[in-house]
Amino acid sequence: MVIDGRKAVSQKLESIGQLAAGIAHEINTPMQYIGDNTRFLKDTLANLSKYLFEMQELSATGTSIISAQFKEKVEQLKTRYDIEYLLDELPRSIEQTELGIERVTNLIRAMKDFTHPGVKEKSYNNINQGIVVTTEISKNEYKYVAELELNLSPNLPLVFCLQDELNQVVLNMIVNSAHSIEEKNGKGSFEKGKLQLKQSRKMNLS
């Protein structure tokens, strides 16, 4: 069944409006720890710079006498600037920042793909990509009430369809299912349901 063009556009705009707050929330979370880690990296580099500078001064003044007192001073500097802690946390902070950037990038890409101008005529499309994009931008609708399991056929050929309308159907299914689970378990419940999106191994593509 083909949805009327104006109705399809209206549905998409309505969906985008409903998802906007969720997308903002999804972007805000990784941006928070990107900001925290950036500040941590800034402070870490400042302390490491101070430590290396003072170590250079010590080395310059203690070239002829490498004593126990010199070694003690080095250890004091390491403690003062938390060198061991910083060296331990620095890779972790960078990794979290990279994950946050990747998360934001994926959300923006997914939103862009979902909102691209619709094609009015059928064409061959990668419906797996459409499903992944739709689950990505709708994550805030279900992540607190259900775990999502995707079981997509990796060898699925391109399908002759209206991609926008198919994405809209998938979005409606996810949102409606999430609301049903929340209604059944009660709002604020710690119990989570399960959403499964899977493709049959035998599909009629004609």
N, C-alpha and C. Protein backbone atom coordinates (compact mmCIF):
# COMPACT_ATOMS: atom_id res chain seq x y z
N MET A 1 0.85 -1.20 0.00
CA MET A 1 0.00 0.00 0.00
C MET A 1 0.88 1.24 0.00
N VAL A 2 0.68 2.12 -0.98
CA VAL A 2 1.48 3.33 -1.08
C VAL A 2 0.82 4.46 -0.32
N ILE A 3 1.60 5.10 0.54
CA ILE A 3 1.07 6.21 1.33
C ILE A 3 1.07 7.47 0.50
N ASP A 4 0.04 8.27 0.59
CA ASP A 4 -0.05 9.53 -0.12
C ASP A 4 1.18 10.38 0.19
N GLY A 5 1.71 11.09 -0.84
CA GLY A 5 2.95 11.85 -0.68
C GLY A 5 2.91 12.86 0.45
N ARG A 6 1.83 13.64 0.49
CA ARG A 6 1.73 14.67 1.54
C ARG A 6 1.60 14.03 2.91
N LYS A 7 0.88 12.92 2.98
CA LYS A 7 0.73 12.23 4.26
C LYS A 7 2.06 11.68 4.73
N ALA A 8 2.86 11.15 3.78
CA ALA A 8 4.17 10.60 4.13
C ALA A 8 5.08 11.68 4.68
N VAL A 9 5.07 12.85 4.03
CA VAL A 9 5.89 13.98 4.48
C VAL A 9 5.43 14.43 5.87
N SER A 10 4.12 14.48 6.05
CA SER A 10 3.57 14.89 7.34
C SER A 10 3.98 13.92 8.45
N GLN A 11 3.92 12.63 8.14
CA GLN A 11 4.32 11.63 9.11
C GLN A 11 5.80 11.77 9.46
N LYS A 12 6.62 12.01 8.44
CA LYS A 12 8.05 12.15 8.70
C LYS A 12 8.33 13.37 9.56
N LEU A 13 7.70 14.50 9.25
CA LEU A 13 7.90 15.70 10.05
C LEU A 13 7.45 15.49 11.49
N GLU A 14 6.33 14.80 11.65
CA GLU A 14 5.83 14.51 13.00
C GLU A 14 6.82 13.63 13.75
N SER A 15 7.36 12.63 13.06
CA SER A 15 8.33 11.72 13.68
C SER A 15 9.59 12.47 14.08
N ILE A 16 10.06 13.35 13.20
CA ILE A 16 11.26 14.12 13.49
C ILE A 16 11.05 15.00 14.72
N GLY A 17 9.88 15.61 14.80
CA GLY A 17 9.57 16.44 15.95
C GLY A 17 9.56 15.64 17.24
N GLN A 18 8.99 14.43 17.19
CA GLN A 18 8.93 13.58 18.38
C GLN A 18 10.31 13.09 18.78
N LEU A 19 11.17 12.88 17.79
CA LEU A 19 12.50 12.34 18.07
C LEU A 19 13.51 13.41 18.44
N ALA A 20 13.21 14.67 18.17
CA ALA A 20 14.18 15.75 18.37
C ALA A 20 14.70 15.80 19.80
N ALA A 21 13.80 15.72 20.78
CA ALA A 21 14.22 15.77 22.18
C ALA A 21 15.09 14.57 22.53
N GLY A 22 14.70 13.41 22.00
CA GLY A 22 15.49 12.22 22.27
C GLY A 22 16.87 12.30 21.66
N ILE A 23 16.95 12.82 20.44
CA ILE A 23 18.25 12.98 19.78
C ILE A 23 19.12 13.96 20.56
N ALA A 24 18.52 15.05 21.01
CA ALA A 24 19.26 16.04 21.80
C ALA A 24 19.83 15.40 23.07
N HIS A 25 19.01 14.56 23.70
CA HIS A 25 19.46 13.87 24.91
C HIS A 25 20.60 12.90 24.59
N GLU A 26 20.45 12.17 23.50
CA GLU A 26 21.47 11.20 23.11
C GLU A 26 22.80 11.89 22.78
N ILE A 27 22.73 13.05 22.16
CA ILE A 27 23.95 13.78 21.83
C ILE A 27 24.54 14.42 23.09
N ASN A 28 23.68 14.90 23.98
CA ASN A 28 24.14 15.58 25.18
C ASN A 28 24.98 14.67 26.06
N THR A 29 24.59 13.40 26.18
CA THR A 29 25.31 12.48 27.07
C THR A 29 26.76 12.29 26.65
N PRO A 30 27.06 11.89 25.40
CA PRO A 30 28.47 11.77 25.03
C PRO A 30 29.21 13.10 25.03
N MET A 31 28.51 14.20 24.72
CA MET A 31 29.18 15.50 24.72
C MET A 31 29.61 15.89 26.13
N GLN A 32 28.87 15.42 27.15
CA GLN A 32 29.25 15.73 28.53
C GLN A 32 30.59 15.09 28.87
N TYR A 33 30.74 13.79 28.53
CA TYR A 33 32.03 13.21 28.89
C TYR A 33 33.12 13.59 27.90
N ILE A 34 32.78 14.04 26.72
CA ILE A 34 33.80 14.62 25.85
C ILE A 34 34.34 15.90 26.49
N GLY A 35 33.42 16.72 27.01
CA GLY A 35 33.83 17.95 27.68
C GLY A 35 34.64 17.67 28.93
N ASP A 36 34.18 16.70 29.75
CA ASP A 36 34.92 16.35 30.98
C ASP A 36 36.31 15.84 30.65
N ASN A 37 36.40 14.96 29.66
CA ASN A 37 37.70 14.40 29.30
C ASN A 37 38.62 15.44 28.68
N THR A 38 38.06 16.38 27.93
CA THR A 38 38.88 17.44 27.35
C THR A 38 39.50 18.30 28.44
N ARG A 39 38.70 18.63 29.45
CA ARG A 39 39.23 19.40 30.59
C ARG A 39 40.29 18.61 31.34
N PHE A 40 40.05 17.29 31.49
CA PHE A 40 41.02 16.42 32.16
C PHE A 40 42.33 16.38 31.37
N LEU A 41 42.22 16.24 30.06
CA LEU A 41 43.41 16.20 29.22
C LEU A 41 44.19 17.51 29.31
N LYS A 42 43.47 18.62 29.37
CA LYS A 42 44.12 19.93 29.48
C LYS A 42 44.92 20.03 30.78
N ASP A 43 44.28 19.63 31.91
CA ASP A 43 44.96 19.68 33.20
C ASP A 43 46.13 18.69 33.24
N THR A 44 45.91 17.51 32.64
CA THR A 44 46.96 16.49 32.63
C THR A 44 48.21 16.97 31.89
N LEU A 45 48.01 17.56 30.72
CA LEU A 45 49.14 18.06 29.95
C LEU A 45 49.86 19.18 30.69
N ALA A 46 49.11 20.00 31.42
CA ALA A 46 49.73 21.08 32.20
C ALA A 46 50.63 20.49 33.28
N ASN A 47 50.13 19.47 34.01
CA ASN A 47 50.92 18.86 35.07
C ASN A 47 52.13 18.12 34.51
N LEU A 48 51.94 17.42 33.40
CA LEU A 48 53.06 16.71 32.79
C LEU A 48 54.13 17.69 32.33
N SER A 49 53.70 18.83 31.80
CA SER A 49 54.66 19.85 31.36
C SER A 49 55.48 20.38 32.53
N LYS A 50 54.78 20.65 33.64
CA LYS A 50 55.48 21.14 34.84
C LYS A 50 56.47 20.10 35.35
N TYR A 51 56.01 18.85 35.36
CA TYR A 51 56.86 17.76 35.85
C TYR A 51 58.13 17.63 34.99
N LEU A 52 57.97 17.63 33.67
CA LEU A 52 59.11 17.48 32.78
C LEU A 52 60.06 18.67 32.88
N PHE A 53 59.49 19.86 33.04
CA PHE A 53 60.32 21.07 33.16
C PHE A 53 61.18 21.00 34.42
N GLU A 54 60.56 20.64 35.55
CA GLU A 54 61.31 20.57 36.80
C GLU A 54 62.32 19.42 36.77
N MET A 55 61.98 18.34 36.09
CA MET A 55 62.92 17.22 35.95
C MET A 55 64.15 17.66 35.16
N GLN A 56 63.94 18.46 34.13
CA GLN A 56 65.06 18.97 33.34
C GLN A 56 65.97 19.85 34.20
N GLU A 57 65.35 20.68 35.04
CA GLU A 57 66.14 21.55 35.92
C GLU A 57 66.97 20.72 36.90
N LEU A 58 66.33 19.69 37.47
CA LEU A 58 67.05 18.82 38.40
C LEU A 58 68.21 18.11 37.72
N SER A 59 67.95 17.63 36.51
CA SER A 59 69.00 16.92 35.77
C SER A 59 70.18 17.85 35.47
N ALA A 60 69.85 19.11 35.15
CA ALA A 60 70.90 20.08 34.81
C ALA A 60 71.77 20.41 36.01
N THR A 61 71.17 20.46 37.20
CA THR A 61 71.92 20.85 38.40
C THR A 61 72.54 19.64 39.11
N GLY A 62 72.14 18.43 38.71
CA GLY A 62 72.64 17.25 39.43
C GLY A 62 73.41 16.30 38.54
N THR A 63 74.06 16.85 37.52
CA THR A 63 74.79 15.98 36.58
C THR A 63 75.96 15.27 37.26
N SER A 64 76.59 15.91 38.22
CA SER A 64 77.76 15.30 38.86
C SER A 64 77.42 14.53 40.12
N ILE A 65 76.27 14.74 40.65
CA ILE A 65 75.88 14.07 41.89
C ILE A 65 74.50 13.46 41.72
N ILE A 66 74.43 12.17 41.38
CA ILE A 66 73.16 11.45 41.32
C ILE A 66 73.02 10.70 42.63
N SER A 67 72.41 11.34 43.59
CA SER A 67 72.38 10.81 44.95
C SER A 67 71.01 10.31 45.33
N ALA A 68 70.92 9.75 46.50
CA ALA A 68 69.64 9.30 47.04
C ALA A 68 68.72 10.50 47.23
N GLN A 69 69.30 11.64 47.55
CA GLN A 69 68.51 12.86 47.72
C GLN A 69 67.88 13.28 46.39
N PHE A 70 68.66 13.12 45.31
CA PHE A 70 68.14 13.44 43.98
C PHE A 70 66.96 12.53 43.63
N LYS A 71 67.14 11.24 43.88
CA LYS A 71 66.09 10.27 43.59
C LYS A 71 64.83 10.56 44.42
N GLU A 72 65.05 10.96 45.67
CA GLU A 72 63.91 11.29 46.54
C GLU A 72 63.15 12.49 45.99
N LYS A 73 63.88 13.47 45.47
CA LYS A 73 63.24 14.66 44.90
C LYS A 73 62.42 14.29 43.68
N VAL A 74 62.92 13.38 42.86
CA VAL A 74 62.18 12.91 41.68
C VAL A 74 60.87 12.26 42.10
N GLU A 75 60.93 11.42 43.13
CA GLU A 75 59.72 10.76 43.62
C GLU A 75 58.72 11.77 44.18
N GLN A 76 59.24 12.80 44.82
CA GLN A 76 58.36 13.85 45.35
C GLN A 76 57.63 14.56 44.22
N LEU A 77 58.34 14.82 43.14
CA LEU A 77 57.71 15.46 41.98
C LEU A 77 56.65 14.57 41.36
N LYS A 78 56.94 13.29 41.26
CA LYS A 78 55.97 12.34 40.72
C LYS A 78 54.70 12.34 41.56
N THR A 79 54.87 12.42 42.88
CA THR A 79 53.71 12.44 43.77
C THR A 79 52.96 13.76 43.67
N ARG A 80 53.71 14.86 43.61
CA ARG A 80 53.10 16.18 43.56
C ARG A 80 52.17 16.32 42.35
N TYR A 81 52.60 15.81 41.21
CA TYR A 81 51.83 15.98 39.99
C TYR A 81 51.02 14.73 39.60
N ASP A 82 50.93 13.78 40.53
CA ASP A 82 50.14 12.56 40.29
C ASP A 82 50.48 11.89 38.96
N ILE A 83 51.76 11.73 38.69
CA ILE A 83 52.20 11.24 37.39
C ILE A 83 51.68 9.84 37.10
N GLU A 84 51.78 8.94 38.06
CA GLU A 84 51.32 7.57 37.83
C GLU A 84 49.82 7.52 37.55
N TYR A 85 49.05 8.30 38.30
CA TYR A 85 47.61 8.35 38.09
C TYR A 85 47.29 8.93 36.71
N LEU A 86 47.97 10.00 36.35
CA LEU A 86 47.71 10.65 35.06
C LEU A 86 48.06 9.73 33.90
N LEU A 87 49.18 9.05 33.99
CA LEU A 87 49.58 8.15 32.92
C LEU A 87 48.63 6.96 32.79
N ASP A 88 48.01 6.59 33.91
CA ASP A 88 47.04 5.49 33.90
C ASP A 88 45.70 5.92 33.32
N GLU A 89 45.30 7.15 33.66
CA GLU A 89 43.98 7.64 33.25
C GLU A 89 43.97 8.28 31.86
N LEU A 90 45.11 8.75 31.42
CA LEU A 90 45.18 9.45 30.14
C LEU A 90 44.69 8.60 28.96
N PRO A 91 45.14 7.36 28.79
CA PRO A 91 44.63 6.55 27.67
C PRO A 91 43.13 6.28 27.77
N ARG A 92 42.65 6.08 28.99
CA ARG A 92 41.23 5.82 29.20
C ARG A 92 40.39 7.04 28.82
N SER A 93 40.89 8.21 29.19
CA SER A 93 40.17 9.44 28.87
C SER A 93 40.11 9.66 27.36
N ILE A 94 41.21 9.40 26.68
CA ILE A 94 41.25 9.54 25.22
C ILE A 94 40.29 8.55 24.58
N GLU A 95 40.26 7.32 25.08
CA GLU A 95 39.37 6.30 24.54
C GLU A 95 37.90 6.71 24.69
N GLN A 96 37.54 7.22 25.88
CA GLN A 96 36.17 7.66 26.11
C GLN A 96 35.81 8.82 25.19
N THR A 97 36.75 9.73 25.00
CA THR A 97 36.51 10.86 24.11
C THR A 97 36.26 10.39 22.69
N GLU A 98 37.07 9.44 22.23
CA GLU A 98 36.89 8.89 20.89
C GLU A 98 35.53 8.22 20.74
N LEU A 99 35.11 7.49 21.78
CA LEU A 99 33.80 6.84 21.74
C LEU A 99 32.68 7.87 21.69
N GLY A 100 32.85 8.94 22.47
CA GLY A 100 31.84 10.00 22.47
C GLY A 100 31.73 10.67 21.12
N ILE A 101 32.86 10.96 20.51
CA ILE A 101 32.86 11.58 19.18
C ILE A 101 32.21 10.65 18.16
N GLU A 102 32.54 9.35 18.25
CA GLU A 102 31.96 8.38 17.33
C GLU A 102 30.44 8.30 17.51
N ARG A 103 30.00 8.34 18.77
CA ARG A 103 28.56 8.27 19.05
C ARG A 103 27.83 9.47 18.46
N VAL A 104 28.37 10.66 18.66
CA VAL A 104 27.76 11.88 18.11
C VAL A 104 27.75 11.83 16.59
N THR A 105 28.87 11.39 16.00
CA THR A 105 28.97 11.30 14.55
C THR A 105 27.92 10.35 13.98
N ASN A 106 27.76 9.19 14.64
CA ASN A 106 26.76 8.21 14.18
C ASN A 106 25.34 8.75 14.28
N LEU A 107 25.06 9.48 15.36
CA LEU A 107 23.72 10.05 15.53
C LEU A 107 23.42 11.09 14.46
N ILE A 108 24.41 11.95 14.20
CA ILE A 108 24.21 12.98 13.19
C ILE A 108 24.03 12.36 11.81
N ARG A 109 24.86 11.34 11.51
CA ARG A 109 24.74 10.66 10.22
C ARG A 109 23.38 9.97 10.08
N ALA A 110 22.94 9.33 11.17
CA ALA A 110 21.66 8.63 11.14
C ALA A 110 20.51 9.61 10.94
N MET A 111 20.56 10.75 11.64
CA MET A 111 19.52 11.75 11.51
C MET A 111 19.50 12.32 10.09
N LYS A 112 20.69 12.52 9.52
CA LYS A 112 20.79 13.04 8.16
C LYS A 112 20.20 12.04 7.16
N ASP A 113 20.51 10.76 7.34
CA ASP A 113 19.98 9.74 6.45
C ASP A 113 18.46 9.62 6.57
N PHE A 114 17.95 9.76 7.80
CA PHE A 114 16.52 9.61 8.02
C PHE A 114 15.74 10.78 7.44
N THR A 115 16.33 11.96 7.47
CA THR A 115 15.61 13.17 7.05
C THR A 115 15.93 13.60 5.63
N HIS A 116 16.70 12.80 4.89
CA HIS A 116 17.03 13.22 3.53
C HIS A 116 15.76 13.31 2.69
N PRO A 117 15.75 14.19 1.68
CA PRO A 117 14.55 14.34 0.86
C PRO A 117 14.09 13.01 0.28
N GLY A 118 12.85 12.69 0.47
CA GLY A 118 12.32 11.40 0.06
C GLY A 118 12.26 11.23 -1.44
N VAL A 119 12.48 10.00 -1.87
CA VAL A 119 12.34 9.65 -3.28
C VAL A 119 10.90 9.25 -3.52
N LYS A 120 10.26 9.88 -4.51
CA LYS A 120 8.84 9.64 -4.73
C LYS A 120 8.56 8.32 -5.45
N GLU A 121 9.59 7.80 -6.12
CA GLU A 121 9.40 6.55 -6.84
C GLU A 121 10.23 5.45 -6.19
N LYS A 122 9.79 4.22 -6.38
CA LYS A 122 10.52 3.09 -5.83
C LYS A 122 11.90 2.98 -6.47
N SER A 123 12.84 2.48 -5.67
CA SER A 123 14.19 2.25 -6.17
C SER A 123 14.79 1.11 -5.36
N TYR A 124 15.95 0.63 -5.79
CA TYR A 124 16.61 -0.45 -5.07
C TYR A 124 17.37 0.13 -3.88
N ASN A 125 17.08 -0.40 -2.69
CA ASN A 125 17.66 0.15 -1.47
C ASN A 125 18.21 -0.94 -0.55
N ASN A 126 19.16 -0.54 0.26
CA ASN A 126 19.70 -1.41 1.30
C ASN A 126 18.82 -1.25 2.54
N ILE A 127 17.88 -2.16 2.71
CA ILE A 127 16.93 -1.98 3.82
C ILE A 127 17.59 -2.23 5.17
N ASN A 128 18.67 -3.00 5.20
CA ASN A 128 19.40 -3.18 6.46
C ASN A 128 19.93 -1.86 6.98
N GLN A 129 20.48 -1.07 6.06
CA GLN A 129 21.00 0.24 6.44
C GLN A 129 19.87 1.13 6.96
N GLY A 130 18.72 1.07 6.31
CA GLY A 130 17.57 1.85 6.75
C GLY A 130 17.12 1.45 8.15
N ILE A 131 17.14 0.16 8.44
CA ILE A 131 16.73 -0.33 9.75
C ILE A 131 17.72 0.12 10.82
N VAL A 132 19.01 0.00 10.51
CA VAL A 132 20.03 0.42 11.48
C VAL A 132 19.93 1.91 11.78
N VAL A 133 19.75 2.72 10.73
CA VAL A 133 19.60 4.16 10.91
C VAL A 133 18.40 4.48 11.78
N THR A 134 17.29 3.81 11.53
CA THR A 134 16.05 4.07 12.28
C THR A 134 16.19 3.68 13.74
N THR A 135 16.83 2.54 14.00
CA THR A 135 17.03 2.12 15.41
C THR A 135 17.97 3.07 16.13
N GLU A 136 18.91 3.63 15.39
CA GLU A 136 19.88 4.55 15.99
C GLU A 136 19.21 5.83 16.48
N ILE A 137 18.40 6.43 15.62
CA ILE A 137 17.80 7.71 16.00
C ILE A 137 16.63 7.55 16.96
N SER A 138 16.10 6.32 17.08
CA SER A 138 14.96 6.11 17.99
C SER A 138 15.40 5.49 19.31
N LYS A 139 16.71 5.41 19.53
CA LYS A 139 17.23 4.72 20.71
C LYS A 139 16.66 5.27 22.02
N ASN A 140 16.51 6.59 22.07
CA ASN A 140 16.02 7.18 23.32
C ASN A 140 14.58 6.80 23.61
N GLU A 141 13.86 6.30 22.58
CA GLU A 141 12.47 5.90 22.77
C GLU A 141 12.36 4.54 23.47
N TYR A 142 13.41 3.70 23.34
CA TYR A 142 13.29 2.35 23.87
C TYR A 142 14.37 1.95 24.88
N LYS A 143 15.48 2.67 24.94
CA LYS A 143 16.62 2.16 25.70
C LYS A 143 16.37 2.03 27.20
N TYR A 144 15.41 2.79 27.73
CA TYR A 144 15.12 2.70 29.15
C TYR A 144 14.12 1.60 29.48
N VAL A 145 13.43 1.08 28.48
CA VAL A 145 12.38 0.09 28.74
C VAL A 145 12.66 -1.26 28.09
N ALA A 146 13.59 -1.32 27.14
CA ALA A 146 13.81 -2.58 26.43
C ALA A 146 15.21 -2.66 25.85
N GLU A 147 15.67 -3.89 25.70
CA GLU A 147 16.90 -4.17 24.96
C GLU A 147 16.52 -4.47 23.52
N LEU A 148 17.27 -3.93 22.59
CA LEU A 148 16.98 -4.15 21.17
C LEU A 148 17.94 -5.18 20.59
N GLU A 149 17.37 -6.17 19.91
CA GLU A 149 18.18 -7.21 19.27
C GLU A 149 17.92 -7.18 17.77
N LEU A 150 18.99 -6.95 17.01
CA LEU A 150 18.88 -6.93 15.56
C LEU A 150 19.43 -8.24 15.00
N ASN A 151 18.64 -8.87 14.18
CA ASN A 151 19.08 -10.10 13.53
C ASN A 151 18.82 -9.94 12.04
N LEU A 152 19.75 -9.26 11.37
CA LEU A 152 19.58 -8.91 9.97
C LEU A 152 20.43 -9.82 9.08
N SER A 153 19.87 -10.19 7.98
CA SER A 153 20.58 -11.07 7.05
C SER A 153 21.71 -10.30 6.37
N PRO A 154 22.96 -10.75 6.52
CA PRO A 154 24.09 -10.02 5.92
C PRO A 154 24.12 -10.12 4.40
N ASN A 155 23.44 -11.10 3.85
CA ASN A 155 23.48 -11.32 2.40
C ASN A 155 22.21 -10.85 1.70
N LEU A 156 21.46 -10.01 2.38
CA LEU A 156 20.21 -9.55 1.79
C LEU A 156 20.49 -8.65 0.58
N PRO A 157 19.90 -8.93 -0.57
CA PRO A 157 20.14 -8.08 -1.75
C PRO A 157 19.38 -6.77 -1.63
N LEU A 158 19.67 -5.85 -2.52
CA LEU A 158 18.93 -4.60 -2.55
C LEU A 158 17.47 -4.89 -2.85
N VAL A 159 16.59 -4.14 -2.19
CA VAL A 159 15.15 -4.38 -2.30
C VAL A 159 14.49 -3.20 -3.02
N PHE A 160 13.62 -3.50 -3.95
CA PHE A 160 12.90 -2.48 -4.71
C PHE A 160 11.74 -1.98 -3.86
N CYS A 161 11.88 -0.77 -3.32
CA CYS A 161 10.88 -0.26 -2.38
C CYS A 161 11.01 1.25 -2.24
N LEU A 162 10.11 1.82 -1.45
CA LEU A 162 10.20 3.21 -1.03
C LEU A 162 10.88 3.23 0.33
N GLN A 163 12.15 3.60 0.38
CA GLN A 163 12.94 3.51 1.59
C GLN A 163 12.37 4.36 2.73
N ASP A 164 11.93 5.57 2.42
CA ASP A 164 11.38 6.46 3.45
C ASP A 164 10.18 5.84 4.14
N GLU A 165 9.29 5.27 3.35
CA GLU A 165 8.08 4.68 3.93
C GLU A 165 8.43 3.46 4.77
N LEU A 166 9.39 2.69 4.30
CA LEU A 166 9.81 1.51 5.06
C LEU A 166 10.43 1.93 6.39
N ASN A 167 11.28 2.96 6.36
CA ASN A 167 11.87 3.47 7.60
C ASN A 167 10.79 3.96 8.56
N GLN A 168 9.76 4.59 8.01
CA GLN A 168 8.67 5.09 8.84
C GLN A 168 7.92 3.95 9.51
N VAL A 169 7.72 2.87 8.76
CA VAL A 169 7.04 1.70 9.33
C VAL A 169 7.87 1.11 10.47
N VAL A 170 9.18 0.96 10.25
CA VAL A 170 10.06 0.42 11.28
C VAL A 170 10.05 1.31 12.52
N LEU A 171 10.11 2.62 12.29
CA LEU A 171 10.08 3.57 13.40
C LEU A 171 8.80 3.43 14.21
N ASN A 172 7.66 3.35 13.52
CA ASN A 172 6.39 3.20 14.21
C ASN A 172 6.34 1.92 15.03
N MET A 173 6.88 0.85 14.47
CA MET A 173 6.91 -0.43 15.17
C MET A 173 7.73 -0.34 16.45
N ILE A 174 8.91 0.30 16.35
CA ILE A 174 9.78 0.43 17.52
C ILE A 174 9.13 1.27 18.61
N VAL A 175 8.64 2.43 18.22
CA VAL A 175 8.04 3.34 19.19
C VAL A 175 6.80 2.73 19.84
N ASN A 176 5.93 2.14 19.04
CA ASN A 176 4.71 1.53 19.59
C ASN A 176 5.04 0.37 20.52
N SER A 177 6.02 -0.45 20.13
CA SER A 177 6.42 -1.59 20.96
C SER A 177 7.01 -1.12 22.28
N ALA A 178 7.85 -0.08 22.21
CA ALA A 178 8.46 0.45 23.43
C ALA A 178 7.40 1.01 24.37
N HIS A 179 6.42 1.70 23.82
CA HIS A 179 5.35 2.25 24.65
C HIS A 179 4.51 1.14 25.27
N SER A 180 4.31 0.06 24.53
CA SER A 180 3.53 -1.06 25.05
C SER A 180 4.27 -1.74 26.20
N ILE A 181 5.58 -1.90 26.06
CA ILE A 181 6.39 -2.50 27.12
C ILE A 181 6.38 -1.62 28.36
N GLU A 182 6.52 -0.31 28.14
CA GLU A 182 6.51 0.62 29.28
C GLU A 182 5.16 0.59 29.99
N GLU A 183 4.10 0.51 29.21
CA GLU A 183 2.75 0.47 29.80
C GLU A 183 2.54 -0.82 30.59
N LYS A 184 3.07 -1.93 30.07
CA LYS A 184 2.90 -3.21 30.75
C LYS A 184 3.72 -3.27 32.04
N ASN A 185 4.98 -2.83 32.00
CA ASN A 185 5.86 -2.92 33.16
C ASN A 185 5.66 -1.78 34.15
N GLY A 186 5.04 -0.70 33.68
CA GLY A 186 4.86 0.46 34.54
C GLY A 186 5.99 1.46 34.35
N LYS A 187 5.65 2.73 34.30
CA LYS A 187 6.64 3.76 34.08
C LYS A 187 7.64 3.80 35.22
N GLY A 188 8.91 3.86 34.89
CA GLY A 188 9.96 3.89 35.91
C GLY A 188 10.39 2.53 36.39
N SER A 189 9.83 1.47 35.81
CA SER A 189 10.19 0.12 36.21
C SER A 189 11.62 -0.20 35.78
N PHE A 190 12.33 -0.97 36.63
CA PHE A 190 13.69 -1.37 36.29
C PHE A 190 13.70 -2.61 35.40
N GLU A 191 12.55 -3.23 35.26
CA GLU A 191 12.44 -4.42 34.42
C GLU A 191 12.39 -3.99 32.95
N LYS A 192 13.20 -4.63 32.15
CA LYS A 192 13.25 -4.30 30.73
C LYS A 192 12.68 -5.43 29.89
N GLY A 193 12.01 -5.03 28.81
CA GLY A 193 11.53 -6.00 27.84
C GLY A 193 12.57 -6.21 26.75
N LYS A 194 12.17 -6.88 25.69
CA LYS A 194 13.09 -7.12 24.58
C LYS A 194 12.39 -6.82 23.26
N LEU A 195 13.06 -6.05 22.44
CA LEU A 195 12.58 -5.77 21.08
C LEU A 195 13.46 -6.54 20.11
N GLN A 196 12.84 -7.28 19.23
CA GLN A 196 13.58 -8.06 18.24
C GLN A 196 13.17 -7.65 16.83
N LEU A 197 14.17 -7.32 16.05
CA LEU A 197 13.95 -7.04 14.63
C LEU A 197 14.76 -8.07 13.85
N LYS A 198 14.07 -8.97 13.19
CA LYS A 198 14.79 -10.00 12.46
C LYS A 198 14.13 -10.25 11.12
N GLN A 199 14.93 -10.72 10.20
CA GLN A 199 14.45 -11.02 8.86
C GLN A 199 14.36 -12.52 8.68
N SER A 200 13.32 -12.93 8.02
CA SER A 200 13.16 -14.34 7.72
C SER A 200 14.23 -14.76 6.72
N ARG A 201 14.72 -15.98 6.87
CA ARG A 201 15.73 -16.47 5.93
C ARG A 201 15.15 -16.66 4.55
N LYS A 202 13.86 -16.83 4.48
CA LYS A 202 13.20 -16.98 3.19
C LYS A 202 12.31 -15.77 2.97
N MET A 203 12.68 -14.95 2.04
CA MET A 203 11.94 -13.72 1.79
C MET A 203 11.48 -13.68 0.33
N ASN A 204 10.24 -13.27 0.14
CA ASN A 204 9.72 -13.10 -1.21
C ASN A 204 9.98 -11.67 -1.64
N LEU A 205 10.91 -11.47 -2.55
CA LEU A 205 11.34 -10.13 -2.94
C LEU A 205 10.71 -9.69 -4.25
N SER A 206 9.76 -10.44 -4.76
CA SER A 206 9.15 -10.09 -6.05
C SER A 206 8.17 -8.95 -5.88
